[in-house]
Amino acid sequence: GGYYAPKYQAALNLRWIRNSFSANYIGRFIGSHDEGNFDSYARHDVTLTYTTPWDGDVTFGVRNLTDEDPVLANDGTGWNGDGLVLYDVAGITPFLRYKHRL
């Protein structure tokens, strides 16, 4: 099978900033595709960042907050490598990051 591009895709990025803190939400939607053979998919990522007085950022976040699985084909063929282009296969992923600006 070949790669089927979904007709509908959307992304939403919301950011809130207050003093040294910021919060970010990223939502992604992929509509059903391949003539309905693949169901729609939604993913939600969130982060909270604290900007330090010494020009550093400490960020805690969660990718794929609702632990959405990659979409499998409804025709019983499962899932192939084309899904790597469209879907996050890692599942829920909490992380902590430090970034320093020079």
Protein backbone atom coordinates (compact mmCIF):
# COMPACT_ATOMS: atom_id res chain seq x y z
CA GLY A 1 0.00 0.00 0.00
CA GLY A 2 0.99 3.59 -0.52
CA TYR A 3 0.93 6.62 1.71
CA TYR A 4 -2.53 8.15 2.03
CA ALA A 5 -2.61 11.82 3.02
CA PRO A 6 -5.58 12.73 5.21
CA LYS A 7 -7.88 15.37 3.75
CA TYR A 8 -8.27 17.11 7.10
CA GLN A 9 -5.46 18.02 9.48
CA ALA A 10 -5.39 20.78 12.08
CA ALA A 11 -3.14 22.13 14.82
CA LEU A 12 -3.83 24.52 17.67
CA ASN A 13 -1.20 26.22 19.82
CA LEU A 14 -2.25 28.20 22.90
CA ARG A 15 0.23 30.04 25.13
CA TRP A 16 -0.21 31.80 28.45
CA ILE A 17 2.57 33.97 29.95
CA ARG A 18 2.67 35.54 33.40
CA ASN A 19 5.89 37.01 34.82
CA SER A 20 8.48 34.18 34.87
CA PHE A 21 6.02 31.41 33.97
CA SER A 22 4.51 30.26 30.71
CA ALA A 23 2.20 27.41 29.82
CA ASN A 24 1.71 25.96 26.38
CA TYR A 25 -0.91 23.65 24.88
CA ILE A 26 -0.55 22.04 21.45
CA GLY A 27 -3.43 20.08 19.97
CA ARG A 28 -3.19 18.11 16.74
CA PHE A 29 -5.96 16.47 14.75
CA ILE A 30 -5.73 14.10 11.80
CA GLY A 31 -9.00 13.22 10.11
CA SER A 32 -9.99 9.77 8.98
CA HIS A 33 -8.48 8.83 5.64
CA ASP A 34 -7.93 6.08 3.07
CA GLU A 35 -11.68 6.01 2.42
CA GLY A 36 -12.41 5.69 6.15
CA ASN A 37 -10.00 2.79 6.61
CA PHE A 38 -8.05 4.81 9.21
CA ASP A 39 -9.95 6.52 12.05
CA SER A 40 -9.31 10.11 13.08
CA TYR A 41 -6.60 10.85 15.66
CA ALA A 42 -6.10 13.66 18.19
CA ARG A 43 -3.02 14.35 20.29
CA HIS A 44 -2.52 16.82 23.15
CA ASP A 45 0.81 18.16 24.46
CA VAL A 46 1.27 20.51 27.46
CA THR A 47 4.25 22.32 28.97
CA LEU A 48 4.94 24.59 31.92
CA THR A 49 8.12 26.71 31.81
CA TYR A 50 9.83 28.79 34.47
CA THR A 51 12.33 31.40 33.26
CA THR A 52 15.12 31.75 35.81
CA PRO A 53 16.82 35.04 36.76
CA TRP A 54 20.07 33.75 35.15
CA ASP A 55 18.58 33.34 31.62
CA GLY A 56 17.65 29.69 31.89
CA ASP A 57 14.37 27.93 31.19
CA VAL A 58 13.19 24.93 33.20
CA THR A 59 10.37 23.14 31.40
CA PHE A 60 8.17 20.27 32.52
CA GLY A 61 5.88 18.81 29.91
CA VAL A 62 3.89 15.84 28.73
CA ARG A 63 3.68 14.78 25.09
CA ASN A 64 0.61 12.81 24.08
CA LEU A 65 -1.12 13.63 27.38
CA THR A 66 -4.12 11.37 26.72
CA ASP A 67 -1.89 8.45 25.62
CA GLU A 68 -3.44 8.10 22.17
CA ASP A 69 -2.27 5.04 20.26
CA PRO A 70 -1.33 5.31 16.59
CA VAL A 71 -4.25 4.53 14.34
CA LEU A 72 -4.54 1.00 12.96
CA ALA A 73 -6.27 0.14 9.72
CA ASN A 74 -9.90 -0.94 10.12
CA ASP A 75 -9.55 -3.59 7.42
CA GLY A 76 -7.49 -5.98 9.57
CA THR A 77 -4.16 -5.21 7.89
CA GLY A 78 -2.89 -3.42 11.03
CA TRP A 79 -0.39 -0.62 10.75
CA ASN A 80 2.56 -0.07 8.46
CA GLY A 81 5.53 2.31 8.32
CA ASP A 82 3.47 5.03 6.64
CA GLY A 83 2.06 5.76 10.09
CA LEU A 84 5.41 7.11 11.24
CA VAL A 85 4.79 10.10 9.01
CA LEU A 86 1.43 10.91 10.65
CA TYR A 87 1.33 9.53 14.19
CA ASP A 88 3.38 9.63 17.37
CA VAL A 89 4.09 6.03 18.32
CA ALA A 90 5.75 6.78 21.68
CA GLY A 91 2.60 7.10 23.80
CA ILE A 92 2.47 9.39 26.83
CA THR A 93 5.92 10.94 27.40
CA PRO A 94 6.64 13.17 30.39
CA PHE A 95 9.86 15.19 30.22
CA LEU A 96 11.97 17.74 32.07
CA ARG A 97 14.26 20.11 30.13
CA TYR A 98 16.72 22.85 30.99
CA LYS A 99 17.79 25.40 28.38
CA HIS A 100 20.32 28.16 28.98
CA ARG A 101 20.58 31.24 26.78
CA LEU A 102 24.10 32.54 26.21
